[in-house]
Amino acid sequence: MKIIKKYCGEILTIIGTALTSYNVFSFSYKTSDGLCLPKLGCESISGAAYFYTQNTIVLISVGCTLIIIGILIMKNKK
């Protein structure tokens, strides 16, 4: 328990970084025709639009918030 309290800022920063990076790379894309394409195997895509789902946007925001809180905790310890 003491270890968790001692390294709380570092733990929050690591969790926030993992959560943000995982969700930043989980995007989908559609063509201008509105057809969903698989992530691999497309040779030429003209007019593709990349987008994030609402859940992904919320998780990216939570991850960034955890990173900032972790950094602030680490700064206040010193």
Protein backbone atom coordinates (compact mmCIF):
# COMPACT_ATOMS: atom_id res chain seq x y z
CA MET A 1 0.00 0.00 0.00
CA LYS A 2 2.88 2.37 0.76
CA ILE A 3 4.36 1.70 -2.68
CA ILE A 4 1.10 2.69 -4.38
CA LYS A 5 0.92 5.92 -2.38
CA LYS A 6 4.60 6.65 -3.01
CA TYR A 7 4.36 6.19 -6.79
CA CYS A 8 0.79 7.41 -7.34
CA GLY A 9 1.81 10.10 -9.85
CA GLU A 10 3.94 7.72 -11.87
CA ILE A 11 1.21 5.06 -11.92
CA LEU A 12 -1.41 7.56 -13.11
CA THR A 13 0.93 8.85 -15.82
CA ILE A 14 1.65 5.33 -17.10
CA ILE A 15 -2.04 4.36 -17.11
CA GLY A 16 -2.96 7.60 -18.88
CA THR A 17 -0.26 7.12 -21.50
CA ALA A 18 -1.33 3.54 -22.19
CA LEU A 19 -5.01 4.48 -22.40
CA THR A 20 -4.38 7.42 -24.71
CA SER A 21 -1.98 5.66 -27.06
CA TYR A 22 -4.23 2.59 -27.35
CA ASN A 23 -7.24 4.70 -28.29
CA VAL A 24 -5.42 7.11 -30.61
CA PHE A 25 -4.54 4.20 -32.89
CA SER A 26 -8.01 2.62 -32.89
CA PHE A 27 -9.66 4.70 -35.60
CA SER A 28 -11.91 3.66 -38.46
CA TYR A 29 -12.33 5.05 -41.91
CA LYS A 30 -14.95 5.34 -44.63
CA THR A 31 -14.74 6.29 -48.28
CA SER A 32 -16.66 9.17 -49.80
CA ASP A 33 -19.22 6.57 -50.97
CA GLY A 34 -19.96 5.73 -47.32
CA LEU A 35 -18.54 2.22 -47.59
CA CYS A 36 -16.66 0.90 -44.59
CA LEU A 37 -13.31 -0.54 -45.54
CA PRO A 38 -11.20 -3.08 -43.68
CA LYS A 39 -8.09 -1.68 -42.04
CA LEU A 40 -5.76 -3.74 -44.22
CA GLY A 41 -5.80 -4.72 -47.86
CA CYS A 42 -6.82 -1.45 -49.51
CA GLU A 43 -4.57 -0.44 -52.35
CA SER A 44 -5.94 2.94 -53.38
CA ILE A 45 -8.45 4.95 -51.40
CA SER A 46 -9.59 8.27 -52.78
CA GLY A 47 -11.55 10.50 -50.43
CA ALA A 48 -11.21 8.40 -47.28
CA ALA A 49 -12.29 9.97 -44.00
CA TYR A 50 -10.80 8.84 -40.70
CA PHE A 51 -12.97 9.11 -37.62
CA TYR A 52 -13.13 8.16 -33.94
CA THR A 53 -16.20 6.78 -32.19
CA GLN A 54 -17.64 8.66 -29.22
CA ASN A 55 -16.27 6.07 -26.76
CA THR A 56 -12.79 6.44 -28.20
CA ILE A 57 -12.88 10.23 -27.87
CA VAL A 58 -13.98 9.96 -24.23
CA LEU A 59 -11.21 7.45 -23.44
CA ILE A 60 -8.57 9.67 -25.11
CA SER A 61 -9.77 12.58 -22.95
CA VAL A 62 -9.66 10.47 -19.79
CA GLY A 63 -6.14 9.29 -20.66
CA CYS A 64 -4.91 12.86 -21.19
CA THR A 65 -6.50 13.91 -17.90
CA LEU A 66 -4.74 11.07 -16.05
CA ILE A 67 -1.41 12.10 -17.58
CA ILE A 68 -1.87 15.71 -16.44
CA ILE A 69 -2.96 14.69 -12.92
CA GLY A 70 0.01 12.32 -12.64
CA ILE A 71 2.44 15.05 -13.69
CA LEU A 72 0.93 17.52 -11.22
CA ILE A 73 1.20 14.97 -8.38
CA MET A 74 4.85 14.30 -9.25
CA LYS A 75 5.62 18.04 -9.31
CA ASN A 76 3.99 18.64 -5.92
CA LYS A 77 6.01 15.86 -4.25
CA LYS A 78 9.31 17.65 -4.84
